[in-house]
Amino acid sequence: MTSVARRLSFLDRYLTVWIFAAMALGVAIGYFAPGVKSVVNAFQVGTTNVPIAIGLILMMYPPFAKVRLEELPDVFKDVKVLGLSLIQNWLIGPVLMFALAIVFLPDKPEYMAGLILIGLARCIAMVVVWNDLAKGSTEYAAGLVAFNSIFQVLFYSVYAWVFVTVLPPLFGLSGSVVDISIGQIAKSVFIYLGVPFLAGILTRIVMLRFVSRDWYHSRFAPIISPITLAALLFTIVVMFSLKGELILTIPGDVVRIAIPLLIYFGVMFVLSFALSRGAGADYPRCCTLSFTAASNNFELAIAVAVAVYGVNSGAAFAAVIGPLVEVPAMIGLVNVALWARERFFVDGEGEPRPA
């Protein structure tokens, strides 16, 4: 086991294992107990499945409750870093994932949409873990997470509508992409992003009136953190149980979805690191910018895919593959970052070495 993996908590260290186990359990339930589908669908209100909706909202709550909003002004003061982060997260990342989706999955419109939704969802949770393991800047990580959280609440629905509905026809894919309105996406984003965002921020505001910031982040945050994993695994079990028999016949589809994801994570990290170093950022900021750009908020992508396309959709299936690929990829990139620190920075810290 690598030193990076050892430094992860027990739950985070084996996250990929838990996801595989949840997928296997879901497939087994769906295959051996096909009646489970009618039970799950019995809790349907309109197009919303109540148990899954609760699971998805709970999945998003802890990351928002841990956002350090008070550190956002420090990020705004560093115009260069903020500008780089904006370009990497909200221009390069979405465009790259869109390109990979239409190249690798032009014949699978819903898988393509699921990948695009992942590319649009900027990371606000696990990036803090990867950044800490790679010795990035804690302050900048907190600030960029806060900034991306707010940006997603305000603009994710617009981005999703543009990249999923408006752009594909320009590339000859008008007949293969499901048309969705900006209203549908905005409603889903409000439910699955806005509700936990408000709940998380209110939790922080109220609790900090009675406890110190140190106690909140060192004692309370670790208590609620496992909620995200539990809710994610619950959602995966339910989603895979609804398609248990089908999934056993399409293992190749998992590979087709995983390949563009791996390319995305690698290209985004290397490109972001190179751009940050070229702009004169020191190692901690290069590291933070790179992990913020390379990782994604797969919880949000899953939530929107389920809400807009349905729990049985290919888009939801593709979104669920996201964390399965991202977790081991990010652990590998932590090691790459630590190598780059020794190779490209003076004394492994501080300013970039001369080219």
Protein backbone atom coordinates (compact mmCIF):
# COMPACT_ATOMS: atom_id res chain seq x y z
CA MET A 1 0.00 0.00 0.00
CA THR A 2 1.39 3.42 -0.93
CA SER A 3 2.16 6.08 1.68
CA VAL A 4 -0.58 8.24 0.15
CA ALA A 5 -3.20 5.52 0.60
CA ARG A 6 -2.09 4.96 4.20
CA ARG A 7 -2.74 8.60 5.04
CA LEU A 8 -6.39 8.37 3.95
CA SER A 9 -9.03 7.54 6.52
CA PHE A 10 -10.26 3.95 6.52
CA LEU A 11 -13.45 4.93 4.66
CA ASP A 12 -11.66 7.07 2.06
CA ARG A 13 -8.82 4.57 1.57
CA TYR A 14 -11.16 1.86 0.37
CA LEU A 15 -13.73 4.10 -1.33
CA THR A 16 -13.31 2.32 -4.66
CA VAL A 17 -13.87 -1.02 -2.90
CA TRP A 18 -17.06 0.26 -1.26
CA ILE A 19 -18.34 1.53 -4.62
CA PHE A 20 -17.59 -1.82 -6.30
CA ALA A 21 -19.31 -3.63 -3.43
CA ALA A 22 -22.38 -1.37 -3.66
CA MET A 23 -22.57 -1.95 -7.41
CA ALA A 24 -22.27 -5.73 -6.95
CA LEU A 25 -24.90 -5.73 -4.19
CA GLY A 26 -27.27 -3.69 -6.32
CA VAL A 27 -26.82 -5.94 -9.34
CA ALA A 28 -27.34 -9.05 -7.19
CA ILE A 29 -30.54 -7.64 -5.66
CA GLY A 30 -31.87 -6.66 -9.09
CA TYR A 31 -31.01 -10.04 -10.60
CA PHE A 32 -32.20 -12.35 -7.81
CA ALA A 33 -35.08 -10.16 -6.55
CA PRO A 34 -36.54 -8.46 -9.65
CA GLY A 35 -39.58 -7.39 -7.62
CA VAL A 36 -37.45 -4.74 -5.91
CA LYS A 37 -38.08 -2.39 -8.84
CA SER A 38 -41.80 -2.12 -8.06
CA VAL A 39 -41.01 -1.52 -4.38
CA VAL A 40 -38.63 1.34 -5.20
CA ASN A 41 -41.05 2.87 -7.69
CA ALA A 42 -43.87 2.76 -5.11
CA PHE A 43 -42.25 5.80 -3.45
CA GLN A 44 -42.53 7.94 -6.57
CA VAL A 45 -43.94 11.48 -6.43
CA GLY A 46 -44.27 12.76 -9.97
CA THR A 47 -40.86 12.18 -11.54
CA THR A 48 -39.09 12.17 -8.17
CA ASN A 49 -38.27 8.99 -6.29
CA VAL A 50 -38.41 10.09 -2.66
CA PRO A 51 -35.83 7.68 -1.10
CA ILE A 52 -33.28 8.44 -3.81
CA ALA A 53 -33.95 12.17 -3.56
CA ILE A 54 -33.31 12.06 0.19
CA GLY A 55 -30.13 10.08 -0.36
CA LEU A 56 -28.85 12.54 -2.96
CA ILE A 57 -29.57 15.59 -0.80
CA LEU A 58 -27.86 13.98 2.21
CA MET A 59 -24.91 13.16 -0.03
CA MET A 60 -24.41 16.86 -0.81
CA TYR A 61 -24.97 18.26 2.69
CA PRO A 62 -21.63 17.54 4.46
CA PRO A 63 -19.41 19.16 1.81
CA PHE A 64 -21.41 22.38 2.01
CA ALA A 65 -21.43 22.35 5.80
CA LYS A 66 -17.61 22.26 5.72
CA VAL A 67 -17.15 25.20 3.30
CA ARG A 68 -15.12 28.02 4.89
CA LEU A 69 -16.93 31.00 3.42
CA GLU A 70 -14.89 33.42 5.50
CA GLU A 71 -11.79 32.52 3.50
CA LEU A 72 -13.36 33.40 0.14
CA PRO A 73 -12.19 37.08 0.28
CA ASP A 74 -8.56 35.89 0.43
CA VAL A 75 -9.00 34.08 -2.88
CA PHE A 76 -10.58 37.12 -4.48
CA LYS A 77 -7.56 39.19 -3.47
CA ASP A 78 -5.29 36.92 -5.52
CA VAL A 79 -6.61 37.88 -8.95
CA LYS A 80 -4.10 35.71 -10.82
CA VAL A 81 -5.01 32.50 -8.98
CA LEU A 82 -8.74 33.22 -9.17
CA GLY A 83 -8.47 33.92 -12.90
CA LEU A 84 -6.56 30.67 -13.49
CA SER A 85 -9.11 28.74 -11.47
CA LEU A 86 -12.00 30.25 -13.42
CA ILE A 87 -10.41 29.38 -16.77
CA GLN A 88 -9.46 25.84 -15.71
CA ASN A 89 -12.75 24.98 -13.98
CA TRP A 90 -15.35 26.78 -16.03
CA LEU A 91 -13.85 26.85 -19.52
CA ILE A 92 -11.17 24.19 -20.09
CA GLY A 93 -12.77 21.44 -17.95
CA PRO A 94 -16.29 21.58 -19.44
CA VAL A 95 -14.98 21.93 -23.02
CA LEU A 96 -12.54 19.03 -22.61
CA MET A 97 -15.18 16.67 -21.18
CA PHE A 98 -17.64 17.69 -23.89
CA ALA A 99 -15.06 16.92 -26.55
CA LEU A 100 -14.22 13.53 -25.02
CA ALA A 101 -17.91 12.66 -24.68
CA ILE A 102 -18.78 13.35 -28.30
CA VAL A 103 -15.63 11.60 -29.56
CA PHE A 104 -15.94 8.42 -27.49
CA LEU A 105 -19.72 8.08 -27.13
CA PRO A 106 -21.47 9.65 -30.14
CA ASP A 107 -23.70 6.57 -30.48
CA LYS A 108 -24.66 6.55 -26.79
CA PRO A 109 -26.43 9.88 -26.20
CA GLU A 110 -27.38 9.29 -22.58
CA TYR A 111 -23.89 8.09 -21.62
CA MET A 112 -22.58 11.15 -23.40
CA ALA A 113 -24.89 13.39 -21.40
CA GLY A 114 -23.81 11.72 -18.15
CA LEU A 115 -20.14 12.40 -18.94
CA ILE A 116 -20.89 16.02 -19.82
CA LEU A 117 -22.73 16.50 -16.51
CA ILE A 118 -19.67 15.15 -14.66
CA GLY A 119 -17.41 17.58 -16.52
CA LEU A 120 -19.60 20.53 -15.55
CA ALA A 121 -19.73 19.64 -11.84
CA ARG A 122 -16.64 21.15 -10.24
CA CYS A 123 -15.30 19.45 -7.14
CA ILE A 124 -16.30 20.82 -3.74
CA ALA A 125 -15.61 17.88 -1.43
CA MET A 126 -12.90 15.28 -2.04
CA VAL A 127 -10.55 17.90 -3.54
CA VAL A 128 -9.77 18.94 0.04
CA VAL A 129 -8.58 15.39 0.77
CA TRP A 130 -6.40 15.11 -2.35
CA ASN A 131 -4.99 18.61 -1.83
CA ASP A 132 -4.04 17.84 1.76
CA LEU A 133 -2.34 14.56 0.84
CA ALA A 134 -0.31 16.34 -1.85
CA LYS A 135 0.65 19.18 0.52
CA GLY A 136 -1.26 21.89 -1.32
CA SER A 137 -2.48 25.16 0.17
CA THR A 138 -5.25 24.53 2.70
CA GLU A 139 -6.35 28.17 2.61
CA TYR A 140 -6.63 28.33 -1.18
CA ALA A 141 -8.38 24.96 -1.29
CA ALA A 142 -11.00 26.20 1.16
CA GLY A 143 -11.43 29.46 -0.73
CA LEU A 144 -11.73 27.84 -4.16
CA VAL A 145 -14.18 25.25 -2.80
CA ALA A 146 -16.33 28.06 -1.42
CA PHE A 147 -16.13 29.95 -4.71
CA ASN A 148 -16.99 26.88 -6.82
CA SER A 149 -19.87 26.05 -4.49
CA ILE A 150 -21.49 29.42 -5.05
CA PHE A 151 -20.69 29.41 -8.78
CA GLN A 152 -22.33 25.99 -9.20
CA VAL A 153 -25.49 27.05 -7.41
CA LEU A 154 -25.80 30.08 -9.69
CA PHE A 155 -24.65 28.75 -13.06
CA TYR A 156 -24.67 24.93 -13.22
CA SER A 157 -28.15 24.79 -14.77
CA VAL A 158 -27.16 27.26 -17.50
CA TYR A 159 -23.96 25.33 -18.29
CA ALA A 160 -25.83 22.01 -18.39
CA TRP A 161 -28.45 23.37 -20.77
CA VAL A 162 -25.82 24.84 -23.11
CA PHE A 163 -23.51 21.79 -23.19
CA VAL A 164 -26.20 19.09 -23.26
CA THR A 165 -28.88 20.72 -25.42
CA VAL A 166 -27.47 23.67 -27.36
CA LEU A 167 -23.98 22.54 -28.44
CA PRO A 168 -24.45 18.89 -29.62
CA PRO A 169 -26.51 19.85 -32.71
CA LEU A 170 -23.60 22.01 -33.86
CA PHE A 171 -21.56 18.78 -34.09
CA GLY A 172 -24.17 16.80 -35.98
CA LEU A 173 -25.65 15.14 -32.91
CA SER A 174 -29.07 16.82 -32.90
CA GLY A 175 -30.85 13.52 -33.46
CA SER A 176 -29.17 11.66 -30.65
CA VAL A 177 -29.23 13.98 -27.64
CA VAL A 178 -32.27 14.10 -25.37
CA ASP A 179 -33.69 17.62 -25.35
CA ILE A 180 -33.91 19.11 -21.86
CA SER A 181 -35.00 22.60 -20.90
CA ILE A 182 -33.05 24.97 -18.70
CA GLY A 183 -36.09 24.95 -16.39
CA GLN A 184 -35.80 21.20 -15.81
CA ILE A 185 -32.14 21.48 -14.94
CA ALA A 186 -32.62 24.58 -12.78
CA LYS A 187 -35.30 22.78 -10.77
CA SER A 188 -33.04 19.77 -10.23
CA VAL A 189 -30.07 21.95 -9.31
CA PHE A 190 -32.17 23.86 -6.77
CA ILE A 191 -33.39 20.66 -5.13
CA TYR A 192 -30.14 18.73 -5.10
CA LEU A 193 -27.65 21.61 -4.83
CA GLY A 194 -29.57 24.58 -3.48
CA VAL A 195 -31.27 22.74 -0.60
CA PRO A 196 -28.09 21.13 0.82
CA PHE A 197 -26.16 24.36 0.14
CA LEU A 198 -28.59 26.39 2.26
CA ALA A 199 -28.74 23.66 4.91
CA GLY A 200 -24.94 23.44 5.10
CA ILE A 201 -24.40 27.20 5.27
CA LEU A 202 -27.13 27.62 7.91
CA THR A 203 -25.62 24.79 9.94
CA ARG A 204 -22.26 26.55 9.92
CA ILE A 205 -23.67 30.00 10.73
CA VAL A 206 -25.80 28.74 13.61
CA MET A 207 -23.22 26.39 15.13
CA LEU A 208 -20.38 28.93 15.01
CA ARG A 209 -22.42 31.08 17.38
CA PHE A 210 -22.00 28.39 20.02
CA VAL A 211 -18.72 26.63 19.19
CA SER A 212 -15.28 27.64 17.95
CA ARG A 213 -14.23 27.24 14.31
CA ASP A 214 -11.54 24.80 15.40
CA TRP A 215 -14.08 22.59 17.22
CA TYR A 216 -16.49 22.80 14.27
CA HIS A 217 -13.90 21.59 11.74
CA SER A 218 -11.99 19.17 13.95
CA ARG A 219 -14.94 17.58 15.81
CA PHE A 220 -18.25 18.26 14.06
CA ALA A 221 -17.11 18.00 10.40
CA PRO A 222 -15.65 14.47 10.84
CA ILE A 223 -18.92 13.35 12.43
CA ILE A 224 -21.05 14.34 9.43
CA SER A 225 -18.52 13.41 6.73
CA PRO A 226 -19.49 9.69 6.56
CA ILE A 227 -23.04 10.75 5.64
CA THR A 228 -21.82 11.53 2.12
CA LEU A 229 -20.35 8.06 1.60
CA ALA A 230 -23.33 6.28 3.15
CA ALA A 231 -25.78 8.23 0.99
CA LEU A 232 -23.65 7.67 -2.13
CA LEU A 233 -23.48 3.90 -1.56
CA PHE A 234 -27.22 3.74 -0.85
CA THR A 235 -27.93 5.55 -4.12
CA ILE A 236 -25.62 3.24 -6.06
CA VAL A 237 -27.23 0.11 -4.59
CA VAL A 238 -30.72 1.31 -5.50
CA MET A 239 -29.76 2.49 -9.00
CA PHE A 240 -27.93 -0.72 -9.85
CA SER A 241 -30.69 -2.89 -8.40
CA LEU A 242 -33.10 -1.35 -10.90
CA LYS A 243 -30.87 -2.44 -13.79
CA GLY A 244 -29.33 -5.60 -12.32
CA GLU A 245 -30.03 -7.95 -15.20
CA LEU A 246 -29.17 -5.39 -17.87
CA ILE A 247 -25.83 -4.44 -16.31
CA LEU A 248 -24.59 -8.03 -16.50
CA THR A 249 -24.92 -7.83 -20.28
CA ILE A 250 -23.01 -4.53 -20.79
CA PRO A 251 -19.62 -4.68 -19.03
CA GLY A 252 -18.09 -3.19 -22.15
CA ASP A 253 -20.11 -0.02 -21.60
CA VAL A 254 -18.36 0.53 -18.27
CA VAL A 255 -15.01 0.45 -20.07
CA ARG A 256 -16.25 2.85 -22.75
CA ILE A 257 -17.30 5.32 -20.06
CA ALA A 258 -14.12 4.86 -18.00
CA ILE A 259 -11.65 5.58 -20.84
CA PRO A 260 -12.66 9.22 -21.48
CA LEU A 261 -12.86 9.80 -17.73
CA LEU A 262 -9.27 8.63 -17.23
CA ILE A 263 -8.08 10.81 -20.10
CA TYR A 264 -9.95 13.77 -18.63
CA PHE A 265 -8.45 13.45 -15.15
CA GLY A 266 -4.91 13.08 -16.47
CA VAL A 267 -5.08 15.88 -19.05
CA MET A 268 -6.79 18.33 -16.68
CA PHE A 269 -4.24 17.76 -13.92
CA VAL A 270 -1.15 18.04 -16.13
CA LEU A 271 -2.48 21.03 -18.07
CA SER A 272 -3.58 22.87 -14.94
CA PHE A 273 -0.26 22.20 -13.21
CA ALA A 274 1.67 23.47 -16.25
CA LEU A 275 -0.47 26.60 -16.57
CA SER A 276 -0.19 27.38 -12.86
CA ARG A 277 3.57 26.89 -12.79
CA GLY A 278 3.93 28.94 -15.97
CA ALA A 279 2.03 31.77 -14.28
CA GLY A 280 4.61 31.74 -11.46
CA ALA A 281 2.51 30.09 -8.75
CA ASP A 282 4.40 28.31 -5.97
CA TYR A 283 3.94 24.58 -5.41
CA PRO A 284 1.11 24.75 -2.83
CA ARG A 285 -0.99 26.92 -5.14
CA CYS A 286 -0.10 24.87 -8.25
CA CYS A 287 -1.17 21.75 -6.41
CA THR A 288 -4.45 23.24 -5.21
CA LEU A 289 -5.36 24.67 -8.61
CA SER A 290 -4.59 21.35 -10.32
CA PHE A 291 -6.67 19.15 -8.03
CA THR A 292 -9.52 21.66 -8.03
CA ALA A 293 -9.54 21.54 -11.84
CA ALA A 294 -9.02 17.79 -12.27
CA SER A 295 -11.52 16.39 -9.77
CA ASN A 296 -15.29 16.62 -10.05
CA ASN A 297 -18.42 16.80 -7.94
CA PHE A 298 -19.79 13.42 -9.01
CA GLU A 299 -22.53 13.64 -6.36
CA LEU A 300 -24.08 16.60 -8.17
CA ALA A 301 -23.72 14.91 -11.57
CA ILE A 302 -25.50 11.81 -10.25
CA ALA A 303 -28.27 13.92 -8.71
CA VAL A 304 -28.96 15.94 -11.87
CA ALA A 305 -28.73 12.88 -14.14
CA VAL A 306 -31.24 11.00 -11.97
CA ALA A 307 -33.60 13.98 -11.69
CA VAL A 308 -33.55 14.96 -15.37
CA TYR A 309 -33.15 11.61 -17.15
CA GLY A 310 -34.44 9.16 -14.55
CA VAL A 311 -32.85 6.64 -12.23
CA ASN A 312 -32.92 3.95 -14.93
CA SER A 313 -31.25 6.13 -17.55
CA GLY A 314 -27.91 5.74 -19.26
CA ALA A 315 -26.98 9.23 -18.06
CA ALA A 316 -27.40 8.17 -14.44
CA PHE A 317 -25.44 4.98 -15.10
CA ALA A 318 -22.55 6.96 -16.62
CA ALA A 319 -22.56 9.41 -13.71
CA VAL A 320 -22.28 6.55 -11.21
CA ILE A 321 -19.15 5.28 -12.99
CA GLY A 322 -17.55 8.66 -12.23
CA PRO A 323 -16.45 8.03 -8.63
CA LEU A 324 -15.40 4.48 -9.50
CA VAL A 325 -12.78 5.91 -11.87
CA GLU A 326 -12.01 9.19 -10.12
CA VAL A 327 -10.92 7.87 -6.72
CA PRO A 328 -8.00 5.65 -7.86
CA ALA A 329 -7.07 8.25 -10.51
CA MET A 330 -6.80 11.02 -7.89
CA ILE A 331 -4.71 8.84 -5.56
CA GLY A 332 -2.32 8.27 -8.45
CA LEU A 333 -2.20 12.00 -9.21
CA VAL A 334 -1.32 12.78 -5.59
CA ASN A 335 1.87 10.78 -6.16
CA VAL A 336 2.46 12.64 -9.43
CA ALA A 337 2.10 15.98 -7.61
CA LEU A 338 4.60 14.99 -4.91
CA TRP A 339 7.07 13.93 -7.60
CA ALA A 340 6.58 17.24 -9.44
CA ARG A 341 7.22 19.15 -6.22
CA GLU A 342 10.72 17.69 -5.97
CA ARG A 343 11.40 17.94 -9.70
CA PHE A 344 10.15 21.41 -10.58
CA PHE A 345 10.28 23.50 -7.39
CA VAL A 346 13.20 24.85 -5.38
CA ASP A 347 13.79 22.63 -2.33
CA GLY A 348 10.49 20.94 -3.09
CA GLU A 349 8.63 24.10 -2.03
CA GLY A 350 8.34 27.78 -2.88
CA GLU A 351 9.05 29.21 -6.29
CA PRO A 352 9.33 27.22 -9.55
CA ARG A 353 12.81 26.14 -10.58
CA PRO A 354 14.20 28.05 -13.56
CA ALA A 355 13.27 26.36 -16.86
